[in-house]
């Protein structure tokens, strides 16, 4: 019996490391191509508005298809659905490598929006094979592996894009990376066939932020917003929207503004990811340093507005890099701060639903932002930045009015 338990634990660790590798290759492949898509769409002759619409396809379909893929993995098993998602994602990026016309580019975004759920299925798989007490550590290490891929991808993709036919080369490499992921999962990822932890309440809580559940869960989550966290969700959505709309056409905007190459754009994106990864290690300490988290989120929101102003109206590239650093720091700390405030307000049994609905709101912002940014680019290259600044200002007003009054009411009830 002891030998079997030892073997099971060793098998679990080997499986965990395989999924770490799959997560790394996933984000590495995505970030190879990510900085190049909007620029390639412009080279195909479409307007900034059309570019925004094309980019919005992915976020919109992800929002719709996520719950169905999650349910499917509950019924058919994580490994089978993961293999299917990886295969179809590879097909999607293969279509991207053929995107000499807008039609092929749209078809590739549709395929990716519908089926690129490997990261979410990986997380659900972790929930099944990992003991409850080890999940925070395992998921943190998984995020670190994925972030490393996101740091390296734009840097390498930027270099490769400068060769002749660079976009198509990078898209082909990305497609092959997902084929490699398919092979890794097919040969090395074999979860136990036993029931393990698949339907426990803790597993449902752990996977709630990736997969929507029943209508009852949604209604309870929606009621929870009005009862405890409606103000926080407004602030979170506005701050997230400000960041996403600025970043949605980041490559195109900086190339037009500073006349830099795709290689330099990749270096900028990688640099921002490095700063965010480093700050993530200390964000918890920064949040704890403030005795008043409402005051901290107000300071962070003001910093976001000032940083977006600096980025939008930067006179030269060094000044732009300085404000990009500030934005990476601000965004990392604000995510931790708002999440911590939300968890503190919610009941323990509702934490998963709360964070899940928060993720859904962010997906909504991802679906809206590229199209709105594209429309604003028709007027000015600074359009997305100005809209982001406006969203940040509204967030500041909400924090001062709604959020502080909410905290005051809480203190009154305690008194």
Protein backbone atom coordinates (compact mmCIF):
# COMPACT_ATOMS: atom_id res chain seq x y z
CA UNK A 1 0.00 0.00 0.00
CA UNK A 2 2.80 2.41 0.85
CA UNK A 3 4.48 1.69 -2.47
CA UNK A 4 1.25 2.41 -4.35
CA UNK A 5 0.75 5.72 -2.50
CA UNK A 6 4.35 6.69 -3.25
CA UNK A 7 3.86 5.82 -6.91
CA UNK A 8 0.61 7.82 -7.04
CA UNK A 9 2.32 10.89 -5.57
CA UNK A 10 5.25 10.57 -7.96
CA UNK A 11 2.83 10.20 -10.86
CA UNK A 12 0.93 13.29 -9.73
CA UNK A 13 4.13 15.35 -9.59
CA UNK A 14 5.19 14.19 -13.05
CA UNK A 15 1.75 15.07 -14.40
CA UNK A 16 1.91 18.49 -12.72
CA UNK A 17 5.27 19.28 -14.33
CA UNK A 18 3.92 18.25 -17.73
CA UNK A 19 1.04 20.69 -17.36
CA UNK A 20 3.50 23.40 -16.31
CA UNK A 21 5.31 22.82 -19.60
CA UNK A 22 2.04 22.89 -21.55
CA UNK A 23 1.11 26.21 -19.92
CA UNK A 24 4.53 27.70 -20.69
CA UNK A 25 4.38 26.68 -24.36
CA UNK A 26 0.79 27.96 -24.61
CA UNK A 27 1.54 31.53 -23.56
CA UNK A 28 4.93 31.50 -25.25
CA UNK A 29 3.25 30.67 -28.56
CA UNK A 30 0.45 33.19 -28.10
CA UNK A 31 2.80 36.03 -27.16
CA UNK A 32 5.08 35.27 -30.14
CA UNK A 33 2.30 36.39 -32.46
CA UNK A 34 0.25 38.76 -30.32
CA UNK A 35 2.17 42.00 -31.05
CA UNK A 36 2.00 41.38 -34.80
CA UNK A 37 -1.71 40.74 -35.45
CA UNK A 38 -3.05 44.31 -35.49
CA UNK A 39 -0.16 45.53 -37.64
CA UNK A 40 -0.70 42.66 -40.10
CA UNK A 41 -4.40 43.47 -40.31
CA UNK A 42 -3.53 47.05 -41.21
CA UNK A 43 -1.16 45.77 -43.91
CA UNK A 44 -4.11 43.89 -45.41
CA UNK A 45 -5.70 47.28 -46.01
CA UNK A 46 -8.43 47.45 -43.37
CA UNK A 47 -9.31 50.50 -41.28
CA UNK A 48 -8.57 50.83 -37.56
CA UNK A 49 -12.27 50.24 -36.84
CA UNK A 50 -12.21 46.97 -38.78
CA UNK A 51 -9.02 45.95 -36.97
CA UNK A 52 -10.85 46.53 -33.69
CA UNK A 53 -13.80 44.43 -34.85
CA UNK A 54 -11.49 41.58 -35.89
CA UNK A 55 -9.69 41.63 -32.55
CA UNK A 56 -13.02 41.76 -30.68
CA UNK A 57 -14.11 38.48 -32.27
CA UNK A 58 -11.75 36.53 -29.99
CA UNK A 59 -12.88 38.08 -26.70
CA UNK A 60 -16.57 37.85 -27.59
CA UNK A 61 -16.43 34.18 -28.57
CA UNK A 62 -14.29 33.33 -25.52
CA UNK A 63 -16.99 34.82 -23.30
CA UNK A 64 -19.67 32.71 -25.01
CA UNK A 65 -17.81 29.43 -25.53
CA UNK A 66 -16.05 29.22 -22.14
CA UNK A 67 -19.02 27.86 -20.14
CA UNK A 68 -19.82 25.25 -22.81
CA UNK A 69 -16.23 24.00 -23.05
CA UNK A 70 -16.09 23.85 -19.25
CA UNK A 71 -19.27 21.80 -19.08
CA UNK A 72 -18.00 19.56 -21.84
CA UNK A 73 -14.81 18.86 -19.91
CA UNK A 74 -16.94 17.95 -16.86
CA UNK A 75 -18.78 15.32 -18.90
CA UNK A 76 -16.14 14.03 -21.32
CA UNK A 77 -13.01 14.37 -19.20
CA UNK A 78 -10.30 17.03 -19.01
CA UNK A 79 -7.70 15.19 -21.11
CA UNK A 80 -9.98 14.61 -24.10
CA UNK A 81 -11.23 18.21 -24.14
CA UNK A 82 -7.71 19.55 -23.62
CA UNK A 83 -6.47 17.54 -26.61
CA UNK A 84 -9.34 18.79 -28.75
CA UNK A 85 -8.77 22.43 -27.71
CA UNK A 86 -5.04 22.21 -28.40
CA UNK A 87 -5.65 20.64 -31.82
CA UNK A 88 -8.22 23.27 -32.82
CA UNK A 89 -6.00 26.06 -31.49
CA UNK A 90 -3.21 24.73 -33.70
CA UNK A 91 -5.64 24.80 -36.63
CA UNK A 92 -6.59 28.37 -35.74
CA UNK A 93 -2.99 29.53 -35.81
CA UNK A 94 -2.38 27.56 -39.01
CA UNK A 95 -5.21 29.58 -40.58
CA UNK A 96 -3.45 32.68 -39.30
CA UNK A 97 -0.29 31.61 -41.14
CA UNK A 98 -2.40 31.56 -44.33
CA UNK A 99 -3.97 34.96 -43.65
CA UNK A 100 -3.08 36.74 -46.86
CA UNK A 101 -6.68 38.00 -46.89
CA UNK A 102 -8.97 39.46 -44.22
CA UNK A 103 -11.27 36.43 -44.55
CA UNK A 104 -8.61 33.97 -43.39
CA UNK A 105 -7.68 36.29 -40.53
CA UNK A 106 -11.33 36.42 -39.40
CA UNK A 107 -11.67 32.63 -39.69
CA UNK A 108 -8.56 32.16 -37.56
CA UNK A 109 -9.91 34.51 -34.85
CA UNK A 110 -13.22 32.60 -34.85
CA UNK A 111 -11.45 29.25 -34.38
CA UNK A 112 -9.28 30.65 -31.58
CA UNK A 113 -12.20 32.36 -29.86
CA UNK A 114 -14.23 29.15 -29.85
CA UNK A 115 -11.58 26.63 -28.87
CA UNK A 116 -8.58 28.28 -27.19
CA UNK A 117 -9.48 27.19 -23.66
CA UNK A 118 -6.41 25.10 -22.88
CA UNK A 119 -5.34 27.32 -19.99
CA UNK A 120 -8.72 26.99 -18.32
CA UNK A 121 -8.85 23.20 -18.81
CA UNK A 122 -5.33 22.98 -17.36
CA UNK A 123 -6.56 24.71 -14.22
CA UNK A 124 -9.53 22.37 -13.93
CA UNK A 125 -7.16 19.43 -14.35
CA UNK A 126 -5.01 20.76 -11.51
CA UNK A 127 -8.12 20.88 -9.34
CA UNK A 128 -8.74 17.19 -9.94
CA UNK A 129 -5.22 15.88 -9.32
CA UNK A 130 -3.97 18.28 -6.62
CA UNK A 131 -4.84 18.02 -2.92
CA UNK A 132 -6.71 21.08 -1.65
CA UNK A 133 -3.87 22.28 0.58
CA UNK A 134 -1.39 22.25 -2.32
CA UNK A 135 -3.50 24.06 -4.90
CA UNK A 136 -2.41 27.68 -4.14
CA UNK A 137 1.27 26.67 -4.44
CA UNK A 138 0.73 24.62 -7.61
CA UNK A 139 -1.37 27.28 -9.30
CA UNK A 140 1.14 29.99 -8.34
CA UNK A 141 3.96 27.98 -9.92
CA UNK A 142 1.79 27.40 -12.99
CA UNK A 143 1.24 31.17 -13.33
CA UNK A 144 4.99 31.74 -13.02
CA UNK A 145 5.68 29.27 -15.85
CA UNK A 146 3.04 30.91 -18.04
CA UNK A 147 4.35 34.41 -17.30
CA UNK A 148 7.85 33.31 -18.28
CA UNK A 149 6.47 32.28 -21.66
CA UNK A 150 4.78 35.66 -22.00
CA UNK A 151 8.06 37.42 -21.28
CA UNK A 152 10.05 35.49 -23.89
CA UNK A 153 7.41 35.34 -26.63
CA UNK A 154 7.15 39.01 -27.69
CA UNK A 155 10.92 39.37 -27.57
CA UNK A 156 11.56 36.44 -29.94
CA UNK A 157 8.50 37.15 -32.08
CA UNK A 158 9.66 40.71 -32.63
CA UNK A 159 13.02 39.51 -33.94
CA UNK A 160 11.49 36.86 -36.21
CA UNK A 161 8.95 39.30 -37.63
CA UNK A 162 11.70 41.39 -39.25
CA UNK A 163 12.72 38.67 -41.69
CA UNK A 164 10.90 38.44 -45.01
CA UNK A 165 7.46 36.94 -44.48
CA UNK A 166 8.03 37.25 -40.75
CA UNK A 167 4.37 37.31 -39.73
CA UNK A 168 3.62 34.07 -41.55
CA UNK A 169 6.76 32.46 -40.12
CA UNK A 170 5.80 33.40 -36.56
CA UNK A 171 2.21 32.20 -37.08
CA UNK A 172 3.50 28.85 -38.38
CA UNK A 173 5.83 28.47 -35.38
CA UNK A 174 2.93 29.25 -33.04
CA UNK A 175 0.80 26.61 -34.74
CA UNK A 176 3.62 24.05 -34.40
CA UNK A 177 4.00 24.87 -30.70
CA UNK A 178 0.38 23.90 -30.15
CA UNK A 179 0.95 20.72 -32.13
CA UNK A 180 3.87 20.04 -29.77
CA UNK A 181 1.55 20.68 -26.82
CA UNK A 182 -0.93 18.20 -28.30
CA UNK A 183 1.83 15.58 -28.53
CA UNK A 184 2.96 16.23 -24.93
CA UNK A 185 -0.58 15.84 -23.60
CA UNK A 186 -1.28 12.77 -25.75
CA UNK A 187 1.79 10.85 -24.59
CA UNK A 188 2.49 12.16 -21.10
CA UNK A 189 -0.70 13.57 -19.56
CA UNK A 190 -2.76 10.66 -18.27
CA UNK A 191 -4.88 11.71 -15.27
CA UNK A 192 -6.13 8.97 -12.95
CA UNK A 193 -9.34 7.35 -14.12
CA UNK A 194 -10.72 7.37 -10.60
CA UNK A 195 -13.23 9.96 -9.45
CA UNK A 196 -10.53 11.77 -7.42
CA UNK A 197 -11.72 15.29 -6.62
CA UNK A 198 -13.77 15.94 -9.73
CA UNK A 199 -17.12 16.94 -8.25
CA UNK A 200 -16.32 18.18 -4.75
CA UNK A 201 -17.37 21.62 -3.58
CA UNK A 202 -13.74 22.72 -3.25
CA UNK A 203 -13.08 21.78 -6.88
CA UNK A 204 -16.11 23.76 -8.03
CA UNK A 205 -14.86 26.78 -6.05
CA UNK A 206 -11.38 26.39 -7.51
CA UNK A 207 -12.60 26.31 -11.12
CA UNK A 208 -15.39 28.87 -10.75
CA UNK A 209 -13.32 31.74 -12.13
CA UNK A 210 -12.76 29.89 -15.40
CA UNK A 211 -16.08 28.19 -16.06
CA UNK A 212 -19.56 29.58 -15.50
CA UNK A 213 -21.84 27.11 -13.75
CA UNK A 214 -25.61 26.83 -13.39
CA UNK A 215 -28.20 29.57 -13.67
CA UNK A 216 -28.65 29.35 -9.91
CA UNK A 217 -24.93 30.00 -9.38
CA UNK A 218 -25.11 32.99 -11.71
CA UNK A 219 -28.14 34.45 -9.92
CA UNK A 220 -26.48 34.00 -6.54
CA UNK A 221 -23.33 35.68 -7.83
CA UNK A 222 -25.34 38.55 -9.29
CA UNK A 223 -27.19 39.03 -6.00
CA UNK A 224 -23.86 38.96 -4.17
CA UNK A 225 -22.67 41.93 -6.23
CA UNK A 226 -25.60 44.09 -5.13
CA UNK A 227 -25.35 42.92 -1.54
CA UNK A 228 -21.63 43.31 -0.92
CA UNK A 229 -19.42 44.18 -3.87
CA UNK A 230 -21.34 46.17 -6.45
CA UNK A 231 -19.12 49.22 -5.95
CA UNK A 232 -15.92 47.17 -6.18
CA UNK A 233 -17.03 45.57 -9.42
CA UNK A 234 -17.77 48.96 -10.96
CA UNK A 235 -14.31 50.19 -9.99
CA UNK A 236 -12.65 46.99 -11.18
CA UNK A 237 -14.42 47.07 -14.53
CA UNK A 238 -13.57 50.74 -15.14
CA UNK A 239 -9.90 50.31 -14.21
CA UNK A 240 -9.59 47.11 -16.27
CA UNK A 241 -11.32 48.73 -19.25
CA UNK A 242 -8.92 51.69 -19.07
CA UNK A 243 -5.93 49.34 -19.34
CA UNK A 244 -7.40 46.98 -21.94
CA UNK A 245 -8.57 49.67 -24.33
CA UNK A 246 -5.13 51.26 -24.28
CA UNK A 247 -3.38 47.93 -24.87
CA UNK A 248 -5.82 46.60 -27.48
CA UNK A 249 -4.04 48.43 -30.32
CA UNK A 250 -0.75 48.95 -28.51
CA UNK A 251 1.50 47.72 -31.33
CA UNK A 252 -0.14 49.88 -33.97
CA UNK A 253 -0.18 53.01 -31.79
CA UNK A 254 3.46 52.92 -30.71
CA UNK A 255 4.62 52.07 -34.21
CA UNK A 256 2.76 55.07 -35.61
CA UNK A 257 3.85 57.39 -32.80
CA UNK A 258 7.56 56.53 -32.54
CA UNK A 259 8.24 54.79 -35.89
CA UNK A 260 9.74 51.72 -34.23
CA UNK A 261 10.13 48.17 -35.55
CA UNK A 262 8.13 45.09 -34.50
CA UNK A 263 11.31 43.87 -32.76
CA UNK A 264 11.33 46.94 -30.52
CA UNK A 265 7.60 46.57 -29.85
CA UNK A 266 8.22 42.98 -28.74
CA UNK A 267 10.98 44.20 -26.43
CA UNK A 268 8.62 46.77 -24.89
CA UNK A 269 5.92 44.15 -24.25
CA UNK A 270 8.45 41.75 -22.75
CA UNK A 271 9.85 44.51 -20.56
CA UNK A 272 6.39 45.32 -19.24
CA UNK A 273 5.80 41.64 -18.48
CA UNK A 274 9.10 41.39 -16.59
CA UNK A 275 8.19 44.41 -14.46
CA UNK A 276 4.74 42.97 -13.72
CA UNK A 277 6.20 39.58 -12.78
CA UNK A 278 8.69 41.15 -10.36
CA UNK A 279 6.06 43.43 -8.80
CA UNK A 280 3.66 40.49 -8.40
CA UNK A 281 6.14 38.99 -5.93
CA UNK A 282 5.85 42.04 -3.64
CA UNK A 283 2.29 43.23 -4.37
CA UNK A 284 0.91 41.48 -1.29
CA UNK A 285 3.37 43.32 0.97
CA UNK A 286 2.47 46.64 -0.62
CA UNK A 287 -1.23 46.03 0.03
CA UNK A 288 -0.52 45.07 3.65
CA UNK A 289 1.55 48.24 4.12
CA UNK A 290 -1.60 50.35 3.72
CA UNK A 291 -3.96 50.23 6.68
CA UNK A 292 -6.78 51.55 4.47
CA UNK A 293 -7.24 49.62 1.23
CA UNK A 294 -9.82 52.11 -0.05
CA UNK A 295 -7.18 54.80 0.18
CA UNK A 296 -4.70 52.53 -1.60
CA UNK A 297 -7.04 51.80 -4.51
CA UNK A 298 -7.75 55.54 -4.83
CA UNK A 299 -4.02 56.26 -5.01
CA UNK A 300 -3.61 53.47 -7.57
CA UNK A 301 -6.50 54.79 -9.66
CA UNK A 302 -5.03 58.30 -9.66
CA UNK A 303 -1.67 56.80 -10.62
CA UNK A 304 -3.35 54.95 -13.47
CA UNK A 305 -4.84 58.17 -14.85
CA UNK A 306 -1.54 60.05 -14.60
CA UNK A 307 0.34 57.15 -16.18
CA UNK A 308 -2.10 56.85 -19.09
CA UNK A 309 -1.78 60.60 -19.64
CA UNK A 310 2.00 60.19 -19.74
CA UNK A 311 1.82 57.26 -22.16
CA UNK A 312 -0.69 58.95 -24.45
CA UNK A 313 1.21 62.23 -24.72
CA UNK A 314 4.81 61.00 -24.29
CA UNK A 315 7.16 63.14 -26.37
CA UNK A 316 9.82 60.47 -26.88
CA UNK A 317 10.48 56.76 -26.39
CA UNK A 318 12.46 57.00 -23.09
CA UNK A 319 9.58 58.95 -21.52
CA UNK A 320 7.17 56.33 -22.86
CA UNK A 321 9.21 53.51 -21.28
CA UNK A 322 9.17 55.32 -17.93
CA UNK A 323 5.38 55.57 -17.91
CA UNK A 324 5.07 51.99 -19.18
CA UNK A 325 7.04 50.91 -16.10
CA UNK A 326 4.68 52.88 -13.86
CA UNK A 327 1.64 51.30 -15.54
CA UNK A 328 3.00 47.77 -15.05
CA UNK A 329 3.60 48.45 -11.34
CA UNK A 330 0.19 50.07 -10.86
CA UNK A 331 -1.71 47.32 -12.66
CA UNK A 332 -0.05 44.51 -10.69
CA UNK A 333 -0.74 46.07 -7.29
CA UNK A 334 -4.31 47.14 -8.14
CA UNK A 335 -5.28 43.58 -9.19
CA UNK A 336 -4.12 42.22 -5.84
CA UNK A 337 -5.73 45.06 -3.88
CA UNK A 338 -9.20 44.83 -5.45
CA UNK A 339 -9.21 41.03 -5.27
CA UNK A 340 -8.25 41.16 -1.59
CA UNK A 341 -10.99 43.72 -0.88
CA UNK A 342 -13.55 41.58 -2.70
CA UNK A 343 -12.59 38.39 -0.85
CA UNK A 344 -12.71 40.16 2.53
CA UNK A 345 -16.23 41.38 1.84
CA UNK A 346 -17.61 38.08 0.57
CA UNK A 347 -18.61 35.00 2.49
CA UNK A 348 -16.07 32.21 2.25
CA UNK A 349 -18.47 29.93 0.39
CA UNK A 350 -19.11 32.63 -2.24
CA UNK A 351 -15.49 33.54 -2.94
CA UNK A 352 -15.22 31.35 -6.04
CA UNK A 353 -18.40 32.78 -7.56
CA UNK A 354 -17.26 36.32 -6.76
CA UNK A 355 -13.89 35.91 -8.47
CA UNK A 356 -15.53 34.05 -11.35
CA UNK A 357 -17.95 36.87 -12.07
CA UNK A 358 -15.05 39.30 -11.85
CA UNK A 359 -13.24 37.33 -14.56
CA UNK A 360 -16.40 37.42 -16.70
CA UNK A 361 -16.59 41.20 -16.40
CA UNK A 362 -12.97 41.44 -17.52
CA UNK A 363 -13.78 39.25 -20.52
CA UNK A 364 -16.58 41.67 -21.36
CA UNK A 365 -14.08 44.50 -21.30
CA UNK A 366 -11.79 42.50 -23.60
CA UNK A 367 -14.66 42.00 -26.04
CA UNK A 368 -15.66 45.68 -26.09
CA UNK A 369 -12.29 47.42 -25.99
CA UNK A 370 -10.74 46.52 -29.38
CA UNK A 371 -13.79 47.70 -31.32
CA UNK A 372 -14.12 50.96 -29.38
CA UNK A 373 -10.38 51.53 -29.68
CA UNK A 374 -10.59 50.96 -33.43
CA UNK A 375 -13.35 53.53 -33.76
CA UNK A 376 -11.34 56.09 -31.80
CA UNK A 377 -8.25 55.45 -33.94
CA UNK A 378 -10.25 56.66 -36.95
CA UNK A 379 -10.19 60.08 -35.26
CA UNK A 380 -6.76 60.11 -33.64
CA UNK A 381 -3.90 57.79 -32.69
CA UNK A 382 -4.36 59.09 -29.16
CA UNK A 383 -8.04 58.06 -29.09
CA UNK A 384 -7.67 54.80 -27.09
CA UNK A 385 -5.45 56.57 -24.56
CA UNK A 386 -7.95 59.39 -24.09
CA UNK A 387 -10.82 56.92 -23.60
CA UNK A 388 -8.66 54.99 -21.12
CA UNK A 389 -7.93 58.21 -19.23
CA UNK A 390 -11.66 59.01 -19.12
CA UNK A 391 -12.48 55.54 -17.77
CA UNK A 392 -9.80 55.95 -15.11
CA UNK A 393 -11.18 59.37 -14.08
CA UNK A 394 -14.67 57.87 -13.71
CA UNK A 395 -13.14 55.10 -11.56
CA UNK A 396 -11.56 57.76 -9.31
CA UNK A 397 -14.93 59.49 -8.92
CA UNK A 398 -16.61 56.18 -8.08
CA UNK A 399 -13.96 55.40 -5.45
CA UNK A 400 -14.40 58.79 -3.78
CA UNK A 401 -18.21 58.70 -3.85
CA UNK A 402 -19.50 55.11 -3.96
CA UNK A 403 -16.62 53.12 -2.48
CA UNK A 404 -15.87 55.40 0.48
CA UNK A 405 -19.53 55.79 1.38
CA UNK A 406 -19.85 52.00 1.28
CA UNK A 407 -16.94 51.64 3.67
CA UNK A 408 -18.47 54.28 5.93
CA UNK A 409 -21.71 52.38 6.05
CA UNK A 410 -19.84 49.25 6.96
CA UNK A 411 -18.11 51.00 9.83
CA UNK A 412 -21.41 52.42 11.04
CA UNK A 413 -22.94 48.95 11.12
CA UNK A 414 -19.98 47.71 13.11
CA UNK A 415 -20.38 50.56 15.58
